[in-house]
N, C-alpha and C. Protein backbone atom coordinates (compact mmCIF):
# COMPACT_ATOMS: atom_id res chain seq x y z
N MET A 1 12.70 -56.06 36.27
CA MET A 1 11.87 -55.43 35.26
C MET A 1 12.59 -55.57 33.92
N GLY A 2 11.87 -56.04 32.93
CA GLY A 2 12.44 -56.26 31.61
C GLY A 2 12.46 -55.00 30.76
N PRO A 3 13.17 -55.05 29.62
CA PRO A 3 13.27 -53.89 28.73
C PRO A 3 11.90 -53.39 28.26
N ALA A 4 10.96 -54.31 28.01
CA ALA A 4 9.64 -53.88 27.54
C ALA A 4 8.93 -53.04 28.59
N ALA A 5 9.06 -53.44 29.85
CA ALA A 5 8.43 -52.67 30.93
C ALA A 5 9.05 -51.28 31.04
N ILE A 6 10.35 -51.21 30.90
CA ILE A 6 11.02 -49.91 30.96
C ILE A 6 10.60 -49.05 29.78
N LEU A 7 10.58 -49.62 28.58
CA LEU A 7 10.14 -48.86 27.41
C LEU A 7 8.70 -48.43 27.53
N GLY A 8 7.87 -49.30 28.07
CA GLY A 8 6.46 -48.95 28.28
C GLY A 8 6.33 -47.79 29.25
N ALA A 9 7.13 -47.79 30.30
CA ALA A 9 7.06 -46.70 31.27
C ALA A 9 7.49 -45.38 30.64
N SER A 10 8.53 -45.41 29.81
CA SER A 10 8.97 -44.15 29.20
C SER A 10 7.96 -43.66 28.17
N THR A 11 7.28 -44.58 27.50
CA THR A 11 6.23 -44.17 26.56
C THR A 11 5.08 -43.52 27.31
N LEU A 12 4.70 -44.10 28.45
CA LEU A 12 3.65 -43.51 29.28
C LEU A 12 4.05 -42.12 29.76
N ALA A 13 5.28 -41.99 30.22
CA ALA A 13 5.74 -40.69 30.72
C ALA A 13 5.73 -39.66 29.61
N ALA A 14 6.14 -40.04 28.41
CA ALA A 14 6.18 -39.09 27.31
C ALA A 14 4.77 -38.65 26.91
N ALA A 15 3.78 -39.52 27.07
CA ALA A 15 2.41 -39.19 26.68
C ALA A 15 1.67 -38.43 27.78
N SER A 16 2.22 -38.45 28.96
CA SER A 16 1.55 -37.84 30.11
C SER A 16 1.69 -36.32 30.07
N PRO A 17 0.63 -35.60 30.47
CA PRO A 17 0.75 -34.15 30.53
C PRO A 17 1.76 -33.71 31.59
N ALA A 18 2.07 -34.58 32.55
CA ALA A 18 3.04 -34.25 33.59
C ALA A 18 4.45 -34.17 33.03
N ALA A 19 4.65 -34.72 31.84
CA ALA A 19 5.98 -34.76 31.26
C ALA A 19 6.16 -33.61 30.26
N ALA A 20 5.84 -32.40 30.68
CA ALA A 20 5.98 -31.23 29.81
C ALA A 20 7.45 -31.07 29.41
N ALA A 21 7.65 -30.73 28.16
CA ALA A 21 9.01 -30.56 27.63
C ALA A 21 9.72 -29.41 28.36
N LEU A 22 11.02 -29.60 28.52
CA LEU A 22 11.85 -28.57 29.14
C LEU A 22 12.48 -27.72 28.04
N PRO A 23 12.80 -26.51 28.31
CA PRO A 23 12.60 -25.83 29.59
C PRO A 23 11.15 -25.37 29.76
N TRP A 24 10.74 -25.33 31.01
CA TRP A 24 9.43 -24.78 31.32
C TRP A 24 9.53 -23.26 31.24
N PRO A 25 8.42 -22.60 30.92
CA PRO A 25 8.47 -21.14 30.88
C PRO A 25 8.63 -20.55 32.28
N TRP A 26 9.54 -19.61 32.41
CA TRP A 26 9.74 -18.94 33.69
C TRP A 26 8.77 -17.77 33.78
N LYS A 27 8.08 -17.66 34.91
CA LYS A 27 7.18 -16.54 35.19
C LYS A 27 7.80 -15.77 36.35
N GLU A 28 8.02 -14.49 36.16
CA GLU A 28 8.71 -13.68 37.17
C GLU A 28 7.99 -13.71 38.52
N ILE A 29 8.79 -13.81 39.57
CA ILE A 29 8.31 -13.83 40.96
C ILE A 29 9.09 -12.77 41.73
N ASP A 30 8.42 -12.05 42.59
CA ASP A 30 9.11 -11.13 43.49
C ASP A 30 9.86 -11.97 44.53
N PRO A 31 11.19 -11.88 44.58
CA PRO A 31 11.96 -12.73 45.49
C PRO A 31 11.50 -12.66 46.95
N ALA A 32 11.19 -11.47 47.42
CA ALA A 32 10.77 -11.33 48.82
C ALA A 32 9.44 -12.03 49.10
N SER A 33 8.64 -12.20 48.06
CA SER A 33 7.30 -12.77 48.25
C SER A 33 7.32 -14.26 48.56
N ILE A 34 8.43 -14.94 48.30
CA ILE A 34 8.46 -16.38 48.56
C ILE A 34 9.27 -16.76 49.80
N GLN A 35 9.88 -15.80 50.44
CA GLN A 35 10.75 -16.15 51.56
C GLN A 35 10.02 -16.80 52.72
N GLU A 36 8.89 -16.26 53.09
CA GLU A 36 8.15 -16.86 54.22
C GLU A 36 7.69 -18.27 53.85
N ARG A 37 7.27 -18.44 52.61
CA ARG A 37 6.84 -19.77 52.17
C ARG A 37 8.02 -20.75 52.22
N ALA A 38 9.18 -20.32 51.78
CA ALA A 38 10.36 -21.19 51.81
C ALA A 38 10.70 -21.59 53.25
N TYR A 39 10.67 -20.62 54.14
CA TYR A 39 10.95 -20.87 55.56
C TYR A 39 9.95 -21.88 56.13
N GLN A 40 8.66 -21.65 55.88
CA GLN A 40 7.62 -22.54 56.41
C GLN A 40 7.69 -23.93 55.77
N SER A 41 7.96 -23.98 54.47
CA SER A 41 8.07 -25.27 53.77
C SER A 41 9.24 -26.08 54.30
N ALA A 42 10.36 -25.41 54.51
CA ALA A 42 11.52 -26.12 55.06
C ALA A 42 11.20 -26.68 56.45
N TRP A 43 10.54 -25.89 57.27
CA TRP A 43 10.16 -26.37 58.60
C TRP A 43 9.17 -27.53 58.52
N SER A 44 8.28 -27.51 57.54
CA SER A 44 7.23 -28.53 57.47
C SER A 44 7.79 -29.94 57.36
N LYS A 45 8.98 -30.08 56.81
CA LYS A 45 9.59 -31.40 56.64
C LYS A 45 11.02 -31.45 57.20
N ASN A 46 11.46 -30.37 57.86
CA ASN A 46 12.87 -30.23 58.24
C ASN A 46 13.75 -30.59 57.06
N ALA A 47 13.47 -29.93 55.93
CA ALA A 47 14.11 -30.31 54.68
C ALA A 47 14.44 -29.07 53.85
N CYS A 48 15.72 -28.78 53.76
CA CYS A 48 16.18 -27.56 53.08
C CYS A 48 15.95 -27.59 51.57
N MET A 49 16.29 -28.67 50.91
CA MET A 49 16.08 -28.74 49.46
C MET A 49 14.59 -28.66 49.15
N TYR A 50 13.80 -29.40 49.90
CA TYR A 50 12.35 -29.38 49.72
C TYR A 50 11.81 -27.95 49.88
N GLY A 51 12.26 -27.24 50.90
CA GLY A 51 11.79 -25.88 51.14
C GLY A 51 12.06 -24.94 49.98
N THR A 52 13.23 -25.05 49.39
CA THR A 52 13.59 -24.22 48.25
C THR A 52 12.72 -24.54 47.04
N VAL A 53 12.61 -25.81 46.72
CA VAL A 53 11.85 -26.24 45.54
C VAL A 53 10.36 -25.95 45.73
N GLU A 54 9.83 -26.25 46.91
CA GLU A 54 8.40 -26.05 47.15
C GLU A 54 8.02 -24.58 47.08
N ALA A 55 8.86 -23.71 47.61
CA ALA A 55 8.54 -22.28 47.59
C ALA A 55 8.40 -21.76 46.16
N VAL A 56 9.31 -22.16 45.29
CA VAL A 56 9.29 -21.67 43.92
C VAL A 56 8.22 -22.37 43.09
N LEU A 57 8.27 -23.70 43.04
CA LEU A 57 7.29 -24.41 42.21
C LEU A 57 5.89 -24.31 42.80
N GLY A 58 5.78 -24.32 44.11
CA GLY A 58 4.46 -24.17 44.73
C GLY A 58 3.83 -22.82 44.42
N THR A 59 4.63 -21.77 44.43
CA THR A 59 4.12 -20.44 44.07
C THR A 59 3.66 -20.41 42.62
N LEU A 60 4.48 -20.96 41.73
CA LEU A 60 4.11 -21.00 40.31
C LEU A 60 2.87 -21.87 40.08
N ALA A 61 2.80 -23.00 40.78
CA ALA A 61 1.64 -23.89 40.64
C ALA A 61 0.37 -23.21 41.11
N ASP A 62 0.45 -22.50 42.24
CA ASP A 62 -0.73 -21.79 42.75
C ASP A 62 -1.22 -20.74 41.78
N ARG A 63 -0.28 -20.06 41.12
CA ARG A 63 -0.66 -18.97 40.21
C ARG A 63 -1.04 -19.44 38.81
N TYR A 64 -0.35 -20.49 38.30
CA TYR A 64 -0.49 -20.83 36.88
C TYR A 64 -0.88 -22.27 36.59
N GLY A 65 -0.90 -23.14 37.58
CA GLY A 65 -1.25 -24.54 37.32
C GLY A 65 -0.14 -25.29 36.61
N ALA A 66 -0.50 -25.94 35.50
CA ALA A 66 0.46 -26.75 34.75
C ALA A 66 1.44 -25.87 33.97
N PRO A 67 2.67 -26.34 33.80
CA PRO A 67 3.22 -27.63 34.19
C PRO A 67 3.76 -27.65 35.62
N TYR A 68 3.74 -26.51 36.29
CA TYR A 68 4.38 -26.37 37.60
C TYR A 68 3.78 -27.29 38.66
N ASN A 69 2.49 -27.56 38.55
CA ASN A 69 1.83 -28.41 39.54
C ASN A 69 2.04 -29.89 39.27
N ALA A 70 2.75 -30.23 38.20
CA ALA A 70 2.99 -31.63 37.86
C ALA A 70 4.26 -32.18 38.49
N PHE A 71 5.11 -31.31 39.00
CA PHE A 71 6.38 -31.79 39.55
C PHE A 71 6.17 -32.40 40.93
N PRO A 72 6.68 -33.61 41.17
CA PRO A 72 6.54 -34.24 42.49
C PRO A 72 7.55 -33.65 43.48
N ILE A 73 7.16 -32.58 44.14
CA ILE A 73 8.09 -31.82 44.98
C ILE A 73 8.69 -32.67 46.10
N GLU A 74 7.96 -33.65 46.59
CA GLU A 74 8.50 -34.50 47.66
C GLU A 74 9.72 -35.29 47.20
N ALA A 75 9.94 -35.37 45.90
CA ALA A 75 11.16 -36.03 45.40
C ALA A 75 12.40 -35.28 45.85
N ALA A 76 12.26 -34.02 46.26
CA ALA A 76 13.40 -33.22 46.70
C ALA A 76 13.80 -33.50 48.15
N LEU A 77 13.08 -34.36 48.83
CA LEU A 77 13.42 -34.64 50.24
C LEU A 77 14.80 -35.26 50.41
N TYR A 78 15.29 -35.95 49.40
CA TYR A 78 16.61 -36.59 49.51
C TYR A 78 17.72 -35.59 49.81
N GLY A 79 17.54 -34.32 49.41
CA GLY A 79 18.60 -33.32 49.54
C GLY A 79 18.78 -32.75 50.93
N SER A 80 17.97 -33.17 51.87
CA SER A 80 18.03 -32.62 53.23
C SER A 80 19.36 -32.90 53.91
N GLY A 81 19.88 -31.85 54.54
CA GLY A 81 21.11 -32.01 55.32
C GLY A 81 22.31 -32.39 54.48
N GLY A 82 22.40 -31.85 53.27
CA GLY A 82 23.54 -32.16 52.42
C GLY A 82 23.43 -33.55 51.84
N ILE A 83 22.26 -33.91 51.38
CA ILE A 83 21.88 -35.20 50.79
C ILE A 83 21.86 -36.28 51.88
N ALA A 84 20.67 -36.60 52.29
CA ALA A 84 20.42 -37.66 53.28
C ALA A 84 21.19 -37.43 54.58
N GLY A 85 21.39 -36.17 54.95
CA GLY A 85 22.08 -35.87 56.20
C GLY A 85 23.58 -36.10 56.17
N LEU A 86 24.16 -36.28 55.00
CA LEU A 86 25.59 -36.58 54.90
C LEU A 86 26.48 -35.34 54.91
N GLY A 87 25.88 -34.15 54.80
CA GLY A 87 26.66 -32.93 54.89
C GLY A 87 27.37 -32.54 53.61
N SER A 88 27.00 -33.13 52.47
CA SER A 88 27.65 -32.73 51.22
C SER A 88 27.04 -31.41 50.75
N VAL A 89 26.78 -31.23 49.48
CA VAL A 89 26.31 -29.94 48.98
C VAL A 89 25.06 -29.50 49.74
N CYS A 90 25.01 -28.21 50.06
CA CYS A 90 23.87 -27.65 50.78
C CYS A 90 22.58 -28.00 50.05
N GLY A 91 21.59 -28.50 50.77
CA GLY A 91 20.32 -28.90 50.17
C GLY A 91 19.60 -27.75 49.49
N ALA A 92 19.68 -26.55 50.07
CA ALA A 92 19.03 -25.40 49.44
C ALA A 92 19.66 -25.11 48.08
N LEU A 93 20.98 -25.24 47.98
CA LEU A 93 21.67 -25.06 46.70
C LEU A 93 21.32 -26.19 45.73
N ASN A 94 21.23 -27.39 46.24
CA ASN A 94 20.84 -28.53 45.42
C ASN A 94 19.46 -28.27 44.81
N GLY A 95 18.57 -27.68 45.59
CA GLY A 95 17.25 -27.31 45.09
C GLY A 95 17.33 -26.28 43.98
N CYS A 96 18.26 -25.35 44.12
CA CYS A 96 18.45 -24.36 43.05
C CYS A 96 18.85 -25.03 41.76
N GLY A 97 19.77 -25.98 41.84
CA GLY A 97 20.21 -26.70 40.64
C GLY A 97 19.04 -27.40 39.96
N LEU A 98 18.19 -28.03 40.76
CA LEU A 98 17.02 -28.69 40.20
C LEU A 98 16.12 -27.68 39.51
N LEU A 99 15.85 -26.57 40.18
CA LEU A 99 14.99 -25.52 39.59
C LEU A 99 15.60 -24.97 38.31
N PHE A 100 16.88 -24.68 38.34
CA PHE A 100 17.54 -24.14 37.15
C PHE A 100 17.44 -25.13 35.99
N GLY A 101 17.51 -26.43 36.30
CA GLY A 101 17.38 -27.45 35.27
C GLY A 101 16.01 -27.44 34.60
N LEU A 102 14.99 -27.02 35.34
CA LEU A 102 13.65 -26.94 34.77
C LEU A 102 13.46 -25.73 33.87
N PHE A 103 14.17 -24.63 34.18
CA PHE A 103 13.89 -23.36 33.52
C PHE A 103 15.00 -22.83 32.61
N ALA A 104 16.21 -23.32 32.74
CA ALA A 104 17.31 -22.80 31.91
C ALA A 104 17.07 -23.12 30.44
N LYS A 105 17.42 -22.17 29.59
CA LYS A 105 17.18 -22.31 28.15
C LYS A 105 18.13 -23.31 27.50
N ASN A 106 19.31 -23.46 28.08
CA ASN A 106 20.30 -24.38 27.50
C ASN A 106 21.34 -24.73 28.56
N HIS A 107 22.24 -25.62 28.16
CA HIS A 107 23.27 -26.13 29.07
C HIS A 107 24.14 -25.00 29.65
N ASP A 108 24.54 -24.08 28.81
CA ASP A 108 25.39 -22.97 29.28
C ASP A 108 24.67 -22.12 30.31
N ASP A 109 23.40 -21.81 30.06
CA ASP A 109 22.61 -21.03 31.03
C ASP A 109 22.47 -21.78 32.35
N LEU A 110 22.23 -23.08 32.27
CA LEU A 110 22.10 -23.90 33.47
C LEU A 110 23.36 -23.81 34.32
N PHE A 111 24.50 -23.99 33.70
CA PHE A 111 25.76 -23.96 34.44
C PHE A 111 26.06 -22.55 34.96
N THR A 112 25.73 -21.54 34.18
CA THR A 112 25.93 -20.15 34.63
C THR A 112 25.10 -19.88 35.88
N LEU A 113 23.83 -20.27 35.84
CA LEU A 113 22.95 -20.06 37.01
C LEU A 113 23.49 -20.79 38.24
N CYS A 114 23.89 -22.03 38.06
CA CYS A 114 24.43 -22.80 39.19
C CYS A 114 25.68 -22.14 39.76
N LYS A 115 26.59 -21.73 38.90
CA LYS A 115 27.82 -21.09 39.35
C LYS A 115 27.53 -19.78 40.08
N GLU A 116 26.56 -19.01 39.55
CA GLU A 116 26.23 -17.74 40.19
C GLU A 116 25.64 -17.93 41.59
N VAL A 117 24.72 -18.87 41.75
CA VAL A 117 24.11 -19.05 43.07
C VAL A 117 25.13 -19.63 44.05
N PHE A 118 26.00 -20.51 43.57
CA PHE A 118 27.03 -21.07 44.46
C PHE A 118 28.01 -19.99 44.90
N ALA A 119 28.47 -19.15 43.97
CA ALA A 119 29.41 -18.07 44.32
C ALA A 119 28.77 -17.11 45.32
N TRP A 120 27.52 -16.77 45.10
CA TRP A 120 26.82 -15.89 46.04
C TRP A 120 26.77 -16.53 47.43
N TYR A 121 26.34 -17.79 47.50
CA TYR A 121 26.20 -18.51 48.77
C TYR A 121 27.53 -18.59 49.52
N GLU A 122 28.59 -18.89 48.80
CA GLU A 122 29.89 -19.08 49.43
C GLU A 122 30.44 -17.79 50.03
N ASN A 123 29.96 -16.63 49.54
CA ASN A 123 30.51 -15.35 50.00
C ASN A 123 29.54 -14.48 50.79
N ALA A 124 28.29 -14.91 50.90
CA ALA A 124 27.27 -14.11 51.59
C ALA A 124 27.30 -14.39 53.09
N SER A 125 26.96 -13.37 53.85
CA SER A 125 26.79 -13.49 55.29
C SER A 125 25.35 -13.95 55.52
N LEU A 126 25.18 -15.20 55.93
CA LEU A 126 23.85 -15.80 56.03
C LEU A 126 23.63 -16.43 57.40
N PRO A 127 22.36 -16.57 57.80
CA PRO A 127 21.14 -16.14 57.13
C PRO A 127 20.81 -14.68 57.41
N VAL A 128 20.04 -14.10 56.49
CA VAL A 128 19.59 -12.72 56.61
C VAL A 128 18.10 -12.67 56.96
N TYR A 129 17.33 -13.60 56.41
CA TYR A 129 15.87 -13.55 56.52
C TYR A 129 15.40 -13.59 57.98
N GLN A 130 14.46 -12.71 58.28
CA GLN A 130 13.81 -12.67 59.59
C GLN A 130 12.35 -13.10 59.41
N PRO A 131 11.97 -14.28 59.86
CA PRO A 131 10.60 -14.75 59.65
C PRO A 131 9.58 -13.90 60.40
N LYS A 132 8.34 -13.92 59.90
CA LYS A 132 7.26 -13.16 60.53
C LYS A 132 6.96 -13.68 61.92
N GLY A 133 6.93 -14.98 62.06
CA GLY A 133 6.71 -15.61 63.35
C GLY A 133 7.67 -16.77 63.49
N PRO A 134 8.87 -16.51 63.98
CA PRO A 134 9.88 -17.58 64.03
C PRO A 134 9.41 -18.79 64.84
N LYS A 135 9.75 -19.96 64.38
CA LYS A 135 9.44 -21.18 65.12
C LYS A 135 10.28 -21.25 66.39
N VAL A 136 11.49 -20.71 66.30
CA VAL A 136 12.40 -20.68 67.45
C VAL A 136 12.86 -19.23 67.61
N GLU A 137 12.53 -18.65 68.75
CA GLU A 137 12.95 -17.27 69.03
C GLU A 137 14.43 -17.27 69.40
N MET A 138 15.23 -16.61 68.59
CA MET A 138 16.66 -16.52 68.87
C MET A 138 17.27 -15.49 67.93
N SER A 139 18.36 -14.91 68.38
CA SER A 139 19.09 -14.05 67.46
C SER A 139 20.01 -14.98 66.67
N VAL A 140 19.96 -14.86 65.36
CA VAL A 140 20.73 -15.76 64.51
C VAL A 140 22.01 -15.07 64.08
N VAL A 141 23.12 -15.68 64.40
CA VAL A 141 24.43 -15.18 64.01
C VAL A 141 24.65 -15.51 62.54
N GLN A 142 25.13 -14.53 61.80
CA GLN A 142 25.45 -14.75 60.39
C GLN A 142 26.90 -15.21 60.26
N THR A 143 27.11 -16.14 59.33
CA THR A 143 28.46 -16.61 59.03
C THR A 143 28.64 -16.66 57.51
N VAL A 144 29.89 -16.65 57.08
CA VAL A 144 30.22 -16.79 55.66
C VAL A 144 30.85 -18.17 55.50
N ALA A 145 30.24 -19.00 54.65
CA ALA A 145 30.64 -20.40 54.54
C ALA A 145 31.96 -20.60 53.79
N HIS A 146 32.24 -19.77 52.76
CA HIS A 146 33.40 -19.98 51.89
C HIS A 146 33.41 -21.40 51.32
N SER A 147 32.23 -22.00 51.24
CA SER A 147 32.08 -23.36 50.73
C SER A 147 30.62 -23.56 50.35
N ASN A 148 30.35 -24.56 49.53
CA ASN A 148 28.97 -24.90 49.21
C ASN A 148 28.52 -26.15 49.96
N LEU A 149 29.37 -26.64 50.84
CA LEU A 149 29.06 -27.86 51.58
C LEU A 149 28.26 -27.57 52.85
N CYS A 150 27.25 -28.37 53.07
CA CYS A 150 26.41 -28.25 54.26
C CYS A 150 27.25 -28.36 55.53
N GLN A 151 28.12 -29.36 55.60
CA GLN A 151 28.88 -29.58 56.82
C GLN A 151 29.81 -28.40 57.14
N VAL A 152 30.33 -27.74 56.13
CA VAL A 152 31.20 -26.59 56.36
C VAL A 152 30.36 -25.39 56.81
N SER A 153 29.31 -25.10 56.06
CA SER A 153 28.44 -23.97 56.39
C SER A 153 27.84 -24.12 57.78
N THR A 154 27.28 -25.27 58.06
CA THR A 154 26.67 -25.53 59.37
C THR A 154 27.72 -25.57 60.46
N GLY A 155 28.84 -26.22 60.18
CA GLY A 155 29.91 -26.34 61.18
C GLY A 155 30.45 -24.99 61.62
N LEU A 156 30.63 -24.07 60.66
CA LEU A 156 31.10 -22.73 61.02
C LEU A 156 30.08 -22.02 61.91
N TRP A 157 28.80 -22.18 61.57
CA TRP A 157 27.75 -21.53 62.36
C TRP A 157 27.68 -22.15 63.76
N LEU A 158 27.78 -23.46 63.85
CA LEU A 158 27.75 -24.11 65.16
C LEU A 158 28.92 -23.65 66.03
N LYS A 159 30.10 -23.55 65.43
CA LYS A 159 31.28 -23.09 66.16
C LYS A 159 31.11 -21.65 66.63
N ALA A 160 30.54 -20.80 65.75
CA ALA A 160 30.37 -19.38 66.09
C ALA A 160 29.33 -19.17 67.19
N THR A 161 28.38 -20.09 67.30
CA THR A 161 27.28 -19.88 68.25
C THR A 161 27.31 -20.80 69.46
N GLY A 162 28.03 -21.90 69.37
CA GLY A 162 28.02 -22.86 70.46
C GLY A 162 26.79 -23.76 70.45
N ASN A 163 25.98 -23.66 69.41
CA ASN A 163 24.80 -24.52 69.30
C ASN A 163 25.22 -25.92 68.88
N LYS A 164 24.27 -26.83 68.97
CA LYS A 164 24.51 -28.24 68.61
C LYS A 164 23.77 -28.60 67.33
N LEU A 165 24.28 -29.62 66.66
CA LEU A 165 23.68 -30.14 65.44
C LEU A 165 22.33 -30.78 65.73
N ARG A 166 21.41 -30.64 64.79
CA ARG A 166 20.08 -31.24 64.83
C ARG A 166 19.26 -30.82 66.05
N THR A 167 19.40 -29.58 66.41
CA THR A 167 18.60 -28.99 67.49
C THR A 167 17.62 -28.00 66.86
N PRO A 168 16.61 -27.56 67.59
CA PRO A 168 15.71 -26.55 67.05
C PRO A 168 16.45 -25.29 66.58
N GLN A 169 17.51 -24.91 67.26
CA GLN A 169 18.28 -23.72 66.87
C GLN A 169 18.97 -23.95 65.52
N HIS A 170 19.53 -25.13 65.35
CA HIS A 170 20.18 -25.48 64.08
C HIS A 170 19.17 -25.43 62.94
N PHE A 171 18.00 -26.04 63.14
CA PHE A 171 16.98 -26.04 62.09
C PHE A 171 16.45 -24.63 61.82
N GLU A 172 16.33 -23.83 62.86
CA GLU A 172 15.88 -22.44 62.67
C GLU A 172 16.86 -21.69 61.77
N ARG A 173 18.13 -21.83 62.06
CA ARG A 173 19.15 -21.17 61.25
C ARG A 173 19.07 -21.64 59.80
N CYS A 174 19.02 -22.93 59.59
CA CYS A 174 19.02 -23.46 58.22
C CYS A 174 17.74 -23.09 57.48
N ASN A 175 16.61 -23.09 58.15
CA ASN A 175 15.36 -22.77 57.47
C ASN A 175 15.27 -21.29 57.11
N ARG A 176 15.90 -20.43 57.89
CA ARG A 176 16.01 -19.02 57.50
C ARG A 176 16.92 -18.90 56.28
N LEU A 177 17.98 -19.68 56.27
CA LEU A 177 18.90 -19.69 55.13
C LEU A 177 18.18 -20.16 53.86
N VAL A 178 17.29 -21.13 53.99
CA VAL A 178 16.50 -21.59 52.84
C VAL A 178 15.73 -20.42 52.23
N ALA A 179 15.16 -19.57 53.06
CA ALA A 179 14.43 -18.40 52.56
C ALA A 179 15.35 -17.49 51.77
N ASP A 180 16.57 -17.29 52.24
CA ASP A 180 17.54 -16.46 51.52
C ASP A 180 17.92 -17.10 50.18
N VAL A 181 18.17 -18.39 50.18
CA VAL A 181 18.60 -19.08 48.96
C VAL A 181 17.47 -19.12 47.93
N ALA A 182 16.25 -19.39 48.37
CA ALA A 182 15.11 -19.41 47.44
C ALA A 182 14.94 -18.04 46.78
N ALA A 183 15.08 -16.98 47.56
CA ALA A 183 14.96 -15.63 47.01
C ALA A 183 16.07 -15.36 46.00
N GLN A 184 17.28 -15.83 46.28
CA GLN A 184 18.39 -15.63 45.34
C GLN A 184 18.16 -16.43 44.06
N ALA A 185 17.62 -17.64 44.17
CA ALA A 185 17.31 -18.44 42.97
C ALA A 185 16.33 -17.70 42.08
N VAL A 186 15.29 -17.14 42.68
CA VAL A 186 14.28 -16.40 41.93
C VAL A 186 14.90 -15.14 41.31
N THR A 187 15.74 -14.46 42.06
CA THR A 187 16.42 -13.27 41.53
C THR A 187 17.19 -13.63 40.26
N LEU A 188 17.92 -14.73 40.31
CA LEU A 188 18.73 -15.14 39.17
C LEU A 188 17.85 -15.58 38.00
N LEU A 189 16.78 -16.32 38.29
CA LEU A 189 15.88 -16.74 37.20
C LEU A 189 15.18 -15.54 36.58
N ASN A 190 14.80 -14.56 37.38
CA ASN A 190 14.20 -13.34 36.84
C ASN A 190 15.17 -12.65 35.89
N ARG A 191 16.43 -12.59 36.28
CA ARG A 191 17.45 -11.90 35.49
C ARG A 191 17.78 -12.63 34.20
N HIS A 192 17.79 -13.96 34.24
CA HIS A 192 18.23 -14.76 33.10
C HIS A 192 17.11 -15.13 32.14
N SER A 193 15.88 -14.81 32.46
CA SER A 193 14.79 -15.24 31.57
C SER A 193 14.47 -14.18 30.54
């Protein structure tokens, strides 16, 4: 693709209503109101980052339309399992970073929000969320990750429970965790807006 094609594409994107200027306006959401949606969204694609982003942007899109309905939420699928299953940064946290990038007023606020959600995640006993109708019936053991890495968080939970990676039990645990993380992202955005 030549420079003209690239410039043409950026001109199109700038003229498109989908390319609303950032930051987007934040509309307050009750954190508890999106947890079930986050859990179900994560299960729908077995995708933690997608579940976090879809719960927040999907709720805003349903209530207010544009610009929230213009974001291609499926672009967040890459973050699953610590980015493409590699176990790096937790996908739910990666989703928070993306969301904060859409709504933060400036660079300092963006970094503050990211640091706050990461510190909370690293020290919280998770998961807490109890779904209305769990996909997998099980008692979920809570663990403290002391890390923002998927492989550390998941590995500690697997060791504590004796469960195996990429099983229904593993996905149940992570999808409940997505509900907790999405609620925390909304809590922080409510506070910072």
